[in-house]
Amino acid sequence: MFRNIKKVLAIACVSMAVGAATIPSIVSAQSSTQNSVQNRAEKRRGDGGWQKLNLSDAQKSQMKSIRDSAKARRQSIFTDEQRAIMNQSRESGDRKGARKSLNLTADQKTQLQAIEQDTKTQMKNILTPQQQQQLEQMQQQRKANRGTMRQGVSRYR
């Protein structure tokens, strides 16, 4: 019976040692996953590019009010059913096919494009000439990167 206790204690000690060794790697894997998810979210929102422009606090405030206004204008175009679909896709996190499932009319599409163009113009007018030039360079670089990716050439060499 004493031998069985020794075996159980030995197994417990080994298990604890293995567990103690793996916990830090599990924790770091979780935090790196959260960081990569956050980075992807920032890229989708476009925060990365705008941060490079070194906007002043006043410019940031103006940009926020323009975005909020554009959001309200877009929402007014959608029907109640379309808004419900958008809210449902936002809550589920599956936004990929949400726009297609809205079945937008040609008039709605035209209005949304006009809002998008107006928003871009307003935001660009807030920038200094130097910031506008820097933004143009970033956009050209992004287009060039898309072109190489579409041709099957990796930009990571």
C-alpha atoms as a PDB file:
ATOM      1  CA  MET A   1       0.000   0.000   0.000  1.00  0.00           C
ATOM      2  CA  PHE A   2       2.909   2.344   0.793  1.00  0.00           C
ATOM      3  CA  ARG A   3       4.286   1.719  -2.719  1.00  0.00           C
ATOM      4  CA  ASN A   4       1.005   2.821  -4.283  1.00  0.00           C
ATOM      5  CA  ILE A   5       1.135   6.073  -2.342  1.00  0.00           C
ATOM      6  CA  LYS A   6       4.680   6.709  -3.586  1.00  0.00           C
ATOM      7  CA  LYS A   7       3.551   6.118  -7.179  1.00  0.00           C
ATOM      8  CA  VAL A   8       0.580   8.438  -6.782  1.00  0.00           C
ATOM      9  CA  LEU A   9       2.769  11.149  -5.229  1.00  0.00           C
ATOM     10  CA  ALA A  10       5.375  10.764  -7.996  1.00  0.00           C
ATOM     11  CA  ILE A  11       2.691  11.048 -10.684  1.00  0.00           C
ATOM     12  CA  ALA A  12       1.177  14.083  -8.940  1.00  0.00           C
ATOM     13  CA  CYS A  13       4.580  15.804  -8.733  1.00  0.00           C
ATOM     14  CA  VAL A  14       5.311  15.161 -12.402  1.00  0.00           C
ATOM     15  CA  SER A  15       1.849  16.391 -13.370  1.00  0.00           C
ATOM     16  CA  MET A  16       2.303  19.584 -11.360  1.00  0.00           C
ATOM     17  CA  ALA A  17       5.720  20.203 -12.905  1.00  0.00           C
ATOM     18  CA  VAL A  18       4.372  19.739 -16.436  1.00  0.00           C
ATOM     19  CA  GLY A  19       1.383  21.945 -15.662  1.00  0.00           C
ATOM     20  CA  ALA A  20       3.569  24.668 -14.183  1.00  0.00           C
ATOM     21  CA  ALA A  21       5.771  24.600 -17.281  1.00  0.00           C
ATOM     22  CA  THR A  22       2.874  24.873 -19.746  1.00  0.00           C
ATOM     23  CA  ILE A  23       0.775  27.580 -18.055  1.00  0.00           C
ATOM     24  CA  PRO A  24       3.066  30.502 -19.039  1.00  0.00           C
ATOM     25  CA  SER A  25       3.039  29.413 -22.683  1.00  0.00           C
ATOM     26  CA  ILE A  26      -0.760  29.147 -22.667  1.00  0.00           C
ATOM     27  CA  VAL A  27      -1.086  32.615 -21.150  1.00  0.00           C
ATOM     28  CA  SER A  28       1.314  34.164 -23.675  1.00  0.00           C
ATOM     29  CA  ALA A  29      -0.508  32.439 -26.539  1.00  0.00           C
ATOM     30  CA  GLN A  30      -3.792  33.942 -25.357  1.00  0.00           C
ATOM     31  CA  SER A  31      -2.355  37.444 -25.040  1.00  0.00           C
ATOM     32  CA  SER A  32      -0.666  37.270 -28.458  1.00  0.00           C
ATOM     33  CA  THR A  33      -3.962  36.116 -29.986  1.00  0.00           C
ATOM     34  CA  GLN A  34      -5.750  39.043 -28.368  1.00  0.00           C
ATOM     35  CA  ASN A  35      -3.088  41.450 -29.667  1.00  0.00           C
ATOM     36  CA  SER A  36      -3.356  40.128 -33.216  1.00  0.00           C
ATOM     37  CA  VAL A  37      -7.156  40.367 -33.090  1.00  0.00           C
ATOM     38  CA  GLN A  38      -6.854  43.945 -31.853  1.00  0.00           C
ATOM     39  CA  ASN A  39      -4.348  44.810 -34.600  1.00  0.00           C
ATOM     40  CA  ARG A  40      -6.646  43.377 -37.261  1.00  0.00           C
ATOM     41  CA  ALA A  41      -9.560  45.356 -35.847  1.00  0.00           C
ATOM     42  CA  GLU A  42      -7.517  48.554 -35.971  1.00  0.00           C
ATOM     43  CA  LYS A  43      -6.569  47.895 -39.579  1.00  0.00           C
ATOM     44  CA  ARG A  44     -10.206  47.280 -40.527  1.00  0.00           C
ATOM     45  CA  ARG A  45     -11.240  50.538 -38.919  1.00  0.00           C
ATOM     46  CA  GLY A  46      -8.350  52.307 -40.562  1.00  0.00           C
ATOM     47  CA  ASP A  47      -6.923  53.546 -37.265  1.00  0.00           C
ATOM     48  CA  GLY A  48      -3.399  52.580 -38.262  1.00  0.00           C
ATOM     49  CA  GLY A  49      -3.206  54.941 -41.254  1.00  0.00           C
ATOM     50  CA  TRP A  50      -4.816  57.904 -39.544  1.00  0.00           C
ATOM     51  CA  GLN A  51      -2.471  57.582 -36.570  1.00  0.00           C
ATOM     52  CA  LYS A  52       0.479  57.973 -38.919  1.00  0.00           C
ATOM     53  CA  LEU A  53      -0.840  61.393 -39.934  1.00  0.00           C
ATOM     54  CA  ASN A  54      -0.310  62.782 -36.407  1.00  0.00           C
ATOM     55  CA  LEU A  55      -3.701  64.453 -36.230  1.00  0.00           C
ATOM     56  CA  SER A  56      -4.191  67.233 -33.724  1.00  0.00           C
ATOM     57  CA  ASP A  57      -6.858  66.871 -31.051  1.00  0.00           C
ATOM     58  CA  ALA A  58      -9.056  69.340 -32.936  1.00  0.00           C
ATOM     59  CA  GLN A  59      -8.687  67.311 -36.139  1.00  0.00           C
ATOM     60  CA  LYS A  60      -9.527  64.085 -34.286  1.00  0.00           C
ATOM     61  CA  SER A  61     -12.625  65.705 -32.847  1.00  0.00           C
ATOM     62  CA  GLN A  62     -13.716  66.949 -36.273  1.00  0.00           C
ATOM     63  CA  MET A  63     -13.110  63.507 -37.803  1.00  0.00           C
ATOM     64  CA  LYS A  64     -15.230  61.871 -35.115  1.00  0.00           C
ATOM     65  CA  SER A  65     -18.120  64.260 -35.690  1.00  0.00           C
ATOM     66  CA  ILE A  66     -17.910  63.667 -39.458  1.00  0.00           C
ATOM     67  CA  ARG A  67     -17.954  59.867 -38.937  1.00  0.00           C
ATOM     68  CA  ASP A  68     -20.872  60.124 -36.507  1.00  0.00           C
ATOM     69  CA  SER A  69     -22.808  62.304 -38.931  1.00  0.00           C
ATOM     70  CA  ALA A  70     -22.130  59.909 -41.805  1.00  0.00           C
ATOM     71  CA  LYS A  71     -23.270  56.964 -39.696  1.00  0.00           C
ATOM     72  CA  ALA A  72     -26.541  58.713 -38.872  1.00  0.00           C
ATOM     73  CA  ARG A  73     -27.069  59.597 -42.538  1.00  0.00           C
ATOM     74  CA  ARG A  74     -26.420  55.980 -43.594  1.00  0.00           C
ATOM     75  CA  GLN A  75     -28.802  54.656 -40.950  1.00  0.00           C
ATOM     76  CA  SER A  76     -31.565  56.933 -42.229  1.00  0.00           C
ATOM     77  CA  ILE A  77     -31.298  55.303 -45.671  1.00  0.00           C
ATOM     78  CA  PHE A  78     -31.924  51.757 -44.434  1.00  0.00           C
ATOM     79  CA  THR A  79     -35.382  50.342 -43.826  1.00  0.00           C
ATOM     80  CA  ASP A  80     -36.268  48.950 -40.388  1.00  0.00           C
ATOM     81  CA  GLU A  81     -35.761  45.423 -41.721  1.00  0.00           C
ATOM     82  CA  GLN A  82     -32.335  46.304 -43.116  1.00  0.00           C
ATOM     83  CA  ARG A  83     -31.337  47.928 -39.820  1.00  0.00           C
ATOM     84  CA  ALA A  84     -32.367  44.753 -37.985  1.00  0.00           C
ATOM     85  CA  ILE A  85     -30.191  42.661 -40.326  1.00  0.00           C
ATOM     86  CA  MET A  86     -27.227  44.993 -39.747  1.00  0.00           C
ATOM     87  CA  ASN A  87     -27.687  44.898 -35.955  1.00  0.00           C
ATOM     88  CA  GLN A  88     -27.957  41.118 -35.989  1.00  0.00           C
ATOM     89  CA  SER A  89     -24.780  40.752 -38.049  1.00  0.00           C
ATOM     90  CA  ARG A  90     -22.962  43.228 -35.788  1.00  0.00           C
ATOM     91  CA  GLU A  91     -23.959  41.270 -32.673  1.00  0.00           C
ATOM     92  CA  SER A  92     -23.018  37.914 -34.164  1.00  0.00           C
ATOM     93  CA  GLY A  93     -19.719  39.261 -35.462  1.00  0.00           C
ATOM     94  CA  ASP A  94     -20.481  37.912 -38.948  1.00  0.00           C
ATOM     95  CA  ARG A  95     -20.475  41.050 -41.055  1.00  0.00           C
ATOM     96  CA  LYS A  96     -19.016  39.502 -44.178  1.00  0.00           C
ATOM     97  CA  GLY A  97     -22.236  38.792 -46.044  1.00  0.00           C
ATOM     98  CA  ALA A  98     -24.461  41.266 -44.225  1.00  0.00           C
ATOM     99  CA  ARG A  99     -24.256  43.976 -46.903  1.00  0.00           C
ATOM    100  CA  LYS A 100     -25.286  41.544 -49.631  1.00  0.00           C
ATOM    101  CA  SER A 101     -28.221  40.245 -47.626  1.00  0.00           C
ATOM    102  CA  LEU A 102     -29.656  43.762 -47.300  1.00  0.00           C
ATOM    103  CA  ASN A 103     -30.953  43.718 -50.886  1.00  0.00           C
ATOM    104  CA  LEU A 104     -30.289  47.429 -51.348  1.00  0.00           C
ATOM    105  CA  THR A 105     -32.175  49.277 -54.030  1.00  0.00           C
ATOM    106  CA  ALA A 106     -30.301  51.179 -56.719  1.00  0.00           C
ATOM    107  CA  ASP A 107     -31.389  54.434 -55.061  1.00  0.00           C
ATOM    108  CA  GLN A 108     -30.026  53.298 -51.680  1.00  0.00           C
ATOM    109  CA  LYS A 109     -26.716  52.306 -53.274  1.00  0.00           C
ATOM    110  CA  THR A 110     -26.445  55.707 -54.946  1.00  0.00           C
ATOM    111  CA  GLN A 111     -27.219  57.523 -51.692  1.00  0.00           C
ATOM    112  CA  LEU A 112     -24.657  55.443 -49.762  1.00  0.00           C
ATOM    113  CA  GLN A 113     -21.984  56.154 -52.366  1.00  0.00           C
ATOM    114  CA  ALA A 114     -22.757  59.874 -52.165  1.00  0.00           C
ATOM    115  CA  ILE A 115     -22.451  59.816 -48.369  1.00  0.00           C
ATOM    116  CA  GLU A 116     -19.149  57.939 -48.619  1.00  0.00           C
ATOM    117  CA  GLN A 117     -17.749  60.403 -51.141  1.00  0.00           C
ATOM    118  CA  ASP A 118     -18.951  63.409 -49.125  1.00  0.00           C
ATOM    119  CA  THR A 119     -17.428  61.962 -45.950  1.00  0.00           C
ATOM    120  CA  LYS A 120     -14.063  61.407 -47.637  1.00  0.00           C
ATOM    121  CA  THR A 121     -14.085  64.960 -48.985  1.00  0.00           C
ATOM    122  CA  GLN A 122     -14.942  66.455 -45.594  1.00  0.00           C
ATOM    123  CA  MET A 123     -12.241  64.417 -43.844  1.00  0.00           C
ATOM    124  CA  LYS A 124      -9.637  65.305 -46.441  1.00  0.00           C
ATOM    125  CA  ASN A 125     -10.468  69.011 -46.078  1.00  0.00           C
ATOM    126  CA  ILE A 126      -9.581  68.836 -42.382  1.00  0.00           C
ATOM    127  CA  LEU A 127      -6.039  67.704 -43.166  1.00  0.00           C
ATOM    128  CA  THR A 128      -3.125  70.052 -43.707  1.00  0.00           C
ATOM    129  CA  PRO A 129      -1.506  69.976 -47.182  1.00  0.00           C
ATOM    130  CA  GLN A 130       1.361  67.918 -45.748  1.00  0.00           C
ATOM    131  CA  GLN A 131      -1.043  65.405 -44.186  1.00  0.00           C
ATOM    132  CA  GLN A 132      -2.995  65.198 -47.460  1.00  0.00           C
ATOM    133  CA  GLN A 133       0.214  64.398 -49.322  1.00  0.00           C
ATOM    134  CA  GLN A 134       1.158  61.765 -46.746  1.00  0.00           C
ATOM    135  CA  LEU A 135      -2.326  60.223 -46.986  1.00  0.00           C
ATOM    136  CA  GLU A 136      -2.042  60.090 -50.784  1.00  0.00           C
ATOM    137  CA  GLN A 137       1.315  58.307 -50.503  1.00  0.00           C
ATOM    138  CA  MET A 138      -0.140  55.759 -48.056  1.00  0.00           C
ATOM    139  CA  GLN A 139      -3.075  55.102 -50.390  1.00  0.00           C
ATOM    140  CA  GLN A 140      -0.745  54.579 -53.354  1.00  0.00           C
ATOM    141  CA  GLN A 141       1.369  52.194 -51.301  1.00  0.00           C
ATOM    142  CA  ARG A 142      -1.733  50.253 -50.268  1.00  0.00           C
ATOM    143  CA  LYS A 143      -2.843  49.994 -53.913  1.00  0.00           C
ATOM    144  CA  ALA A 144       0.611  48.787 -54.931  1.00  0.00           C
ATOM    145  CA  ASN A 145       0.546  46.159 -52.176  1.00  0.00           C
ATOM    146  CA  ARG A 146      -2.887  44.957 -53.320  1.00  0.00           C
ATOM    147  CA  GLY A 147      -1.613  44.678 -56.876  1.00  0.00           C
ATOM    148  CA  THR A 148       1.301  42.477 -55.886  1.00  0.00           C
ATOM    149  CA  MET A 149      -0.925  40.301 -53.705  1.00  0.00           C
ATOM    150  CA  ARG A 150      -3.414  39.803 -56.551  1.00  0.00           C
ATOM    151  CA  GLN A 151      -0.616  38.692 -58.855  1.00  0.00           C
ATOM    152  CA  GLY A 152       0.329  36.016 -56.355  1.00  0.00           C
ATOM    153  CA  VAL A 153       3.576  37.707 -55.359  1.00  0.00           C
ATOM    154  CA  SER A 154       4.139  37.817 -51.645  1.00  0.00           C
ATOM    155  CA  ARG A 155       5.132  41.166 -50.211  1.00  0.00           C
ATOM    156  CA  TYR A 156       6.995  39.314 -47.451  1.00  0.00           C
ATOM    157  CA  ARG A 157      10.224  38.214 -49.088  1.00  0.00           C
END
